Each structure stands twice: as C-alpha cells, then as structure tokens.
Amino acid sequence: DEDWEPKQITYDALKPKTLAPSPDTVIVDVREPAELLEGHIPTAHNLPLTHVLAGGFALDAPAFEAQFGWAKPRKDQEVIIYCKKGKRSSIAADSAKKAGYTNIVEYRGSWLDWATRE
C-alpha cells in the first residue's frame, strides 16, 4: 500500500496525552540518543531510527525489552512517532506498519515544533 499515510497528530492534541498517560498510547522518539540531550517529549520512549530500520519493531517482546529497556508496544496500541523535524518519523511509521502495527500516528511537527511551544 504505497499510498498509505499515518494519521497525524498536532501539538494541541498530543500535549494532553503527555499530561495524562494512557496504557493505550505509547510515544516513540526515533532520534539518536545524543539528540535527547536537547530534551524530549514527556513520557516518550527512545527507539532510534537506526534500530527501527534494523528490525526493532519486528523483535519479539522479550528481545525488544532487553534491547531497549521498555515494553514493546502492542500492535493495536496507539503508537505516536516523532523525531526532530518530521522526516525520520515518516520512515519509522512505514517500518511500524510493515511490522504489523495498525494504529500508527505521526507527530510530523516533531521535536522542533514541541520545543517552540513549551
């Protein structure tokens, strides 16, 4: 499905999810660990794009948690993906879809948008 596009989320819709986290939603930051020194969206978990492209979303749950230090999202869970400016998040969303995820949401404004609004 080459025309597939992930659902989009805006800052205004994402902010409440960071203030009242839900077990139905996980926020994934696909920037590299060194980039997190700039800050990150509250409650987000880091899964660098290099690991996404190496099959991170396809790992089984125990291997995922052992490698990344947080529980692997369920395939039906809302997975909100962001990066620095929206390019890597699009690539990661495609990888998640290929790994069988069905509720992928992209925050295309990403870190640069969040940081200017906080």
N, C-alpha and C. Protein backbone atom coordinates (compact mmCIF):
# COMPACT_ATOMS: atom_id res chain seq x y z
N ASP A 1 0.85 -1.19 0.00
CA ASP A 1 0.00 0.00 0.00
C ASP A 1 0.89 1.24 0.00
N GLU A 2 1.32 1.62 -1.18
CA GLU A 2 2.28 2.72 -1.29
C GLU A 2 1.67 4.07 -0.98
N ASP A 3 0.35 4.19 -1.04
CA ASP A 3 -0.30 5.47 -0.78
C ASP A 3 -0.62 5.66 0.70
N TRP A 4 -0.30 4.66 1.53
CA TRP A 4 -0.62 4.74 2.95
C TRP A 4 0.10 5.92 3.58
N GLU A 5 -0.63 6.63 4.41
CA GLU A 5 -0.06 7.73 5.21
C GLU A 5 -0.51 7.51 6.65
N PRO A 6 0.40 7.67 7.61
CA PRO A 6 -0.04 7.54 9.01
C PRO A 6 -0.97 8.68 9.37
N LYS A 7 -1.82 8.42 10.37
CA LYS A 7 -2.62 9.51 10.93
C LYS A 7 -1.66 10.55 11.47
N GLN A 8 -2.10 11.80 11.51
CA GLN A 8 -1.27 12.89 12.02
C GLN A 8 -1.83 13.38 13.35
N ILE A 9 -0.95 13.89 14.19
CA ILE A 9 -1.37 14.50 15.45
C ILE A 9 -0.68 15.86 15.57
N THR A 10 -1.37 16.80 16.16
CA THR A 10 -0.82 18.14 16.37
C THR A 10 -0.33 18.28 17.80
N TYR A 11 0.41 19.33 18.06
CA TYR A 11 0.86 19.63 19.41
C TYR A 11 -0.33 19.70 20.36
N ASP A 12 -1.39 20.41 19.95
CA ASP A 12 -2.55 20.60 20.84
C ASP A 12 -3.23 19.28 21.19
N ALA A 13 -3.20 18.32 20.29
CA ALA A 13 -3.79 17.00 20.58
C ALA A 13 -2.83 16.11 21.36
N LEU A 14 -1.53 16.30 21.15
CA LEU A 14 -0.53 15.46 21.83
C LEU A 14 -0.30 15.88 23.28
N LYS A 15 -0.29 17.16 23.54
CA LYS A 15 0.03 17.67 24.89
C LYS A 15 -0.78 16.99 25.99
N PRO A 16 -2.13 16.87 25.86
CA PRO A 16 -2.89 16.21 26.94
C PRO A 16 -2.47 14.75 27.17
N LYS A 17 -2.01 14.08 26.12
CA LYS A 17 -1.59 12.68 26.26
C LYS A 17 -0.31 12.58 27.09
N THR A 18 0.49 13.64 27.11
CA THR A 18 1.72 13.62 27.92
C THR A 18 1.42 13.95 29.37
N LEU A 19 0.31 14.63 29.61
CA LEU A 19 -0.06 15.02 30.98
C LEU A 19 -0.85 13.93 31.68
N ALA A 20 -1.56 13.12 30.91
CA ALA A 20 -2.37 12.03 31.47
C ALA A 20 -2.10 10.77 30.64
N PRO A 21 -0.92 10.16 30.83
CA PRO A 21 -0.57 8.99 30.02
C PRO A 21 -1.60 7.87 30.15
N SER A 22 -1.81 7.17 29.05
CA SER A 22 -2.76 6.07 29.00
C SER A 22 -2.02 4.80 28.59
N PRO A 23 -2.42 3.65 29.14
CA PRO A 23 -1.80 2.40 28.70
C PRO A 23 -2.12 2.08 27.24
N ASP A 24 -3.07 2.80 26.65
CA ASP A 24 -3.44 2.55 25.26
C ASP A 24 -2.56 3.32 24.27
N THR A 25 -1.69 4.19 24.78
CA THR A 25 -0.86 5.03 23.91
C THR A 25 0.59 4.95 24.33
N VAL A 26 1.49 4.87 23.36
CA VAL A 26 2.92 4.97 23.63
C VAL A 26 3.50 6.00 22.65
N ILE A 27 4.37 6.87 23.19
CA ILE A 27 5.02 7.89 22.37
C ILE A 27 6.46 7.44 22.14
N VAL A 28 6.86 7.40 20.87
CA VAL A 28 8.18 6.88 20.49
C VAL A 28 8.99 7.98 19.81
N ASP A 29 10.16 8.26 20.37
CA ASP A 29 11.10 9.24 19.85
C ASP A 29 12.15 8.47 19.05
N VAL A 30 12.24 8.70 17.74
CA VAL A 30 13.16 7.93 16.91
C VAL A 30 14.48 8.66 16.64
N ARG A 31 14.75 9.72 17.41
CA ARG A 31 16.05 10.39 17.28
C ARG A 31 17.14 9.52 17.92
N GLU A 32 18.39 9.83 17.59
CA GLU A 32 19.52 9.11 18.18
C GLU A 32 19.70 9.56 19.64
N PRO A 33 20.25 8.69 20.50
CA PRO A 33 20.35 9.02 21.92
C PRO A 33 21.03 10.37 22.21
N ALA A 34 22.07 10.73 21.48
CA ALA A 34 22.76 12.00 21.74
C ALA A 34 21.82 13.19 21.53
N GLU A 35 20.85 13.05 20.62
CA GLU A 35 19.92 14.14 20.35
C GLU A 35 18.97 14.39 21.52
N LEU A 36 18.80 13.40 22.37
CA LEU A 36 17.90 13.54 23.51
C LEU A 36 18.42 14.55 24.53
N LEU A 37 19.69 14.90 24.42
CA LEU A 37 20.25 15.91 25.32
C LEU A 37 19.55 17.25 25.12
N GLU A 38 18.99 17.48 23.93
CA GLU A 38 18.23 18.71 23.67
C GLU A 38 16.91 18.72 24.44
N GLY A 39 16.49 17.55 24.88
CA GLY A 39 15.21 17.39 25.54
C GLY A 39 14.37 16.37 24.80
N HIS A 40 13.23 16.03 25.39
CA HIS A 40 12.32 15.09 24.73
C HIS A 40 10.91 15.37 25.22
N ILE A 41 9.95 14.83 24.51
CA ILE A 41 8.55 14.98 24.90
C ILE A 41 8.30 14.10 26.12
N PRO A 42 7.67 14.66 27.17
CA PRO A 42 7.43 13.86 28.38
C PRO A 42 6.71 12.54 28.06
N THR A 43 7.11 11.50 28.73
CA THR A 43 6.60 10.12 28.65
C THR A 43 7.07 9.38 27.40
N ALA A 44 7.84 10.02 26.51
CA ALA A 44 8.30 9.34 25.29
C ALA A 44 9.40 8.33 25.61
N HIS A 45 9.42 7.27 24.80
CA HIS A 45 10.47 6.25 24.87
C HIS A 45 11.33 6.39 23.62
N ASN A 46 12.63 6.14 23.78
CA ASN A 46 13.55 6.26 22.66
C ASN A 46 13.71 4.93 21.93
N LEU A 47 13.53 4.97 20.62
CA LEU A 47 13.80 3.84 19.73
C LEU A 47 14.44 4.45 18.48
N PRO A 48 15.77 4.59 18.47
CA PRO A 48 16.43 5.29 17.36
C PRO A 48 16.09 4.69 16.01
N LEU A 49 15.97 5.56 15.01
CA LEU A 49 15.61 5.10 13.66
C LEU A 49 16.58 4.02 13.17
N THR A 50 17.85 4.11 13.52
CA THR A 50 18.80 3.07 13.09
C THR A 50 18.34 1.70 13.58
N HIS A 51 17.78 1.63 14.79
CA HIS A 51 17.29 0.36 15.33
C HIS A 51 15.93 -0.01 14.72
N VAL A 52 15.11 0.99 14.40
CA VAL A 52 13.85 0.71 13.70
C VAL A 52 14.16 0.04 12.37
N LEU A 53 15.09 0.62 11.61
CA LEU A 53 15.43 0.09 10.29
C LEU A 53 16.10 -1.27 10.38
N ALA A 54 16.71 -1.57 11.52
CA ALA A 54 17.34 -2.87 11.73
C ALA A 54 16.34 -3.91 12.22
N GLY A 55 15.04 -3.56 12.22
CA GLY A 55 14.01 -4.53 12.59
C GLY A 55 13.51 -4.41 14.01
N GLY A 56 13.72 -3.28 14.65
CA GLY A 56 13.31 -3.10 16.05
C GLY A 56 11.86 -3.42 16.32
N PHE A 57 10.95 -2.96 15.45
CA PHE A 57 9.52 -3.21 15.68
C PHE A 57 9.16 -4.67 15.45
N ALA A 58 10.03 -5.43 14.78
CA ALA A 58 9.74 -6.83 14.49
C ALA A 58 10.27 -7.79 15.56
N LEU A 59 11.07 -7.28 16.50
CA LEU A 59 11.58 -8.14 17.58
C LEU A 59 10.42 -8.67 18.42
N ASP A 60 10.63 -9.86 19.02
CA ASP A 60 9.60 -10.32 19.96
C ASP A 60 9.70 -9.48 21.23
N ALA A 61 8.65 -9.54 22.05
CA ALA A 61 8.56 -8.64 23.21
C ALA A 61 9.74 -8.77 24.18
N PRO A 62 10.17 -10.00 24.55
CA PRO A 62 11.31 -10.08 25.48
C PRO A 62 12.60 -9.50 24.90
N ALA A 63 12.86 -9.76 23.62
CA ALA A 63 14.08 -9.23 22.99
C ALA A 63 14.01 -7.71 22.88
N PHE A 64 12.83 -7.19 22.56
CA PHE A 64 12.65 -5.74 22.45
C PHE A 64 12.95 -5.07 23.79
N GLU A 65 12.33 -5.61 24.85
CA GLU A 65 12.52 -5.00 26.18
C GLU A 65 13.98 -5.13 26.64
N ALA A 66 14.61 -6.26 26.34
CA ALA A 66 16.01 -6.45 26.72
C ALA A 66 16.91 -5.44 26.00
N GLN A 67 16.62 -5.18 24.73
CA GLN A 67 17.48 -4.28 23.95
C GLN A 67 17.21 -2.81 24.26
N PHE A 68 15.95 -2.43 24.43
CA PHE A 68 15.61 -1.01 24.52
C PHE A 68 15.21 -0.54 25.91
N GLY A 69 14.93 -1.47 26.83
CA GLY A 69 14.66 -1.09 28.21
C GLY A 69 13.25 -0.62 28.49
N TRP A 70 12.33 -0.88 27.58
CA TRP A 70 10.92 -0.55 27.81
C TRP A 70 10.07 -1.56 27.06
N ALA A 71 8.82 -1.70 27.49
CA ALA A 71 7.95 -2.75 26.95
C ALA A 71 7.60 -2.47 25.49
N LYS A 72 7.66 -3.51 24.68
CA LYS A 72 7.30 -3.38 23.27
C LYS A 72 5.83 -3.01 23.16
N PRO A 73 5.51 -2.02 22.32
CA PRO A 73 4.10 -1.67 22.13
C PRO A 73 3.32 -2.85 21.52
N ARG A 74 2.05 -2.95 21.92
CA ARG A 74 1.17 -3.93 21.28
C ARG A 74 0.87 -3.44 19.86
N LYS A 75 0.55 -4.37 18.98
CA LYS A 75 0.32 -3.98 17.58
C LYS A 75 -0.93 -3.13 17.40
N ASP A 76 -1.89 -3.22 18.35
CA ASP A 76 -3.11 -2.41 18.24
C ASP A 76 -3.05 -1.15 19.10
N GLN A 77 -1.96 -0.98 19.83
CA GLN A 77 -1.80 0.19 20.68
C GLN A 77 -1.57 1.43 19.81
N GLU A 78 -2.04 2.59 20.28
CA GLU A 78 -1.74 3.83 19.56
C GLU A 78 -0.25 4.11 19.75
N VAL A 79 0.48 4.15 18.63
CA VAL A 79 1.92 4.40 18.65
C VAL A 79 2.15 5.75 17.98
N ILE A 80 2.52 6.75 18.79
CA ILE A 80 2.77 8.10 18.27
C ILE A 80 4.27 8.24 18.07
N ILE A 81 4.68 8.53 16.84
CA ILE A 81 6.10 8.57 16.49
C ILE A 81 6.51 10.00 16.16
N TYR A 82 7.67 10.40 16.70
CA TYR A 82 8.22 11.71 16.33
C TYR A 82 9.74 11.63 16.27
N CYS A 83 10.34 12.67 15.65
CA CYS A 83 11.80 12.76 15.57
C CYS A 83 12.18 14.21 15.84
N LYS A 84 13.08 14.78 15.05
CA LYS A 84 13.46 16.18 15.25
C LYS A 84 12.59 17.11 14.42
N LYS A 85 12.42 16.77 13.12
CA LYS A 85 11.66 17.68 12.27
C LYS A 85 10.67 16.99 11.35
N GLY A 86 10.47 15.69 11.48
CA GLY A 86 9.40 15.01 10.75
C GLY A 86 9.81 14.06 9.65
N LYS A 87 11.08 14.02 9.28
CA LYS A 87 11.49 13.12 8.20
C LYS A 87 11.65 11.68 8.71
N ARG A 88 12.42 11.51 9.77
CA ARG A 88 12.64 10.15 10.29
C ARG A 88 11.37 9.54 10.84
N SER A 89 10.47 10.38 11.38
CA SER A 89 9.21 9.83 11.91
C SER A 89 8.39 9.18 10.80
N SER A 90 8.42 9.75 9.60
CA SER A 90 7.68 9.16 8.47
C SER A 90 8.27 7.80 8.10
N ILE A 91 9.59 7.71 8.08
CA ILE A 91 10.26 6.45 7.76
C ILE A 91 9.94 5.40 8.82
N ALA A 92 9.99 5.81 10.09
CA ALA A 92 9.70 4.88 11.19
C ALA A 92 8.25 4.42 11.16
N ALA A 93 7.33 5.32 10.80
CA ALA A 93 5.91 4.94 10.71
C ALA A 93 5.73 3.85 9.65
N ASP A 94 6.40 3.98 8.52
CA ASP A 94 6.33 2.96 7.47
C ASP A 94 6.86 1.62 7.99
N SER A 95 7.97 1.66 8.73
CA SER A 95 8.54 0.43 9.28
C SER A 95 7.59 -0.23 10.28
N ALA A 96 6.94 0.59 11.11
CA ALA A 96 5.98 0.05 12.07
C ALA A 96 4.81 -0.62 11.35
N LYS A 97 4.33 0.01 10.29
CA LYS A 97 3.23 -0.58 9.52
C LYS A 97 3.65 -1.92 8.93
N LYS A 98 4.86 -1.98 8.38
CA LYS A 98 5.36 -3.23 7.79
C LYS A 98 5.49 -4.32 8.84
N ALA A 99 5.72 -3.91 10.11
CA ALA A 99 5.85 -4.88 11.20
C ALA A 99 4.50 -5.27 11.78
N GLY A 100 3.40 -4.76 11.20
CA GLY A 100 2.07 -5.18 11.61
C GLY A 100 1.33 -4.24 12.55
N TYR A 101 1.89 -3.08 12.80
CA TYR A 101 1.20 -2.11 13.67
C TYR A 101 0.03 -1.48 12.91
N THR A 102 -1.08 -1.30 13.62
CA THR A 102 -2.32 -0.86 12.95
C THR A 102 -2.81 0.50 13.41
N ASN A 103 -2.21 1.08 14.46
CA ASN A 103 -2.70 2.36 14.99
C ASN A 103 -1.52 3.32 15.14
N ILE A 104 -0.91 3.65 14.01
CA ILE A 104 0.29 4.47 13.98
C ILE A 104 -0.11 5.93 13.75
N VAL A 105 0.45 6.80 14.58
CA VAL A 105 0.17 8.23 14.48
C VAL A 105 1.52 8.95 14.41
N GLU A 106 1.63 9.89 13.49
CA GLU A 106 2.87 10.64 13.34
C GLU A 106 2.69 12.07 13.82
N TYR A 107 3.61 12.52 14.65
CA TYR A 107 3.67 13.93 15.05
C TYR A 107 4.71 14.56 14.14
N ARG A 108 4.27 15.03 12.98
CA ARG A 108 5.20 15.49 11.96
C ARG A 108 5.91 16.78 12.39
N GLY A 109 5.27 17.59 13.24
CA GLY A 109 5.95 18.78 13.76
C GLY A 109 7.18 18.41 14.58
N SER A 110 7.10 17.27 15.23
CA SER A 110 8.19 16.65 15.97
C SER A 110 8.82 17.57 17.01
N TRP A 111 10.07 17.28 17.38
CA TRP A 111 10.71 17.97 18.49
C TRP A 111 10.80 19.48 18.26
N LEU A 112 11.11 19.90 17.04
CA LEU A 112 11.27 21.34 16.80
C LEU A 112 9.96 22.08 17.08
N ASP A 113 8.83 21.50 16.68
CA ASP A 113 7.53 22.12 16.94
C ASP A 113 7.25 22.13 18.44
N TRP A 114 7.45 20.98 19.09
CA TRP A 114 7.19 20.86 20.53
C TRP A 114 8.03 21.88 21.31
N ALA A 115 9.32 21.95 21.01
CA ALA A 115 10.23 22.81 21.76
C ALA A 115 9.85 24.29 21.64
N THR A 116 9.33 24.70 20.49
CA THR A 116 8.95 26.11 20.34
C THR A 116 7.67 26.43 21.09
N ARG A 117 6.87 25.42 21.41
CA ARG A 117 5.57 25.64 22.06
C ARG A 117 5.62 25.46 23.57
N GLU A 118 6.68 24.86 24.06
CA GLU A 118 6.77 24.57 25.50
C GLU A 118 7.39 25.72 26.27
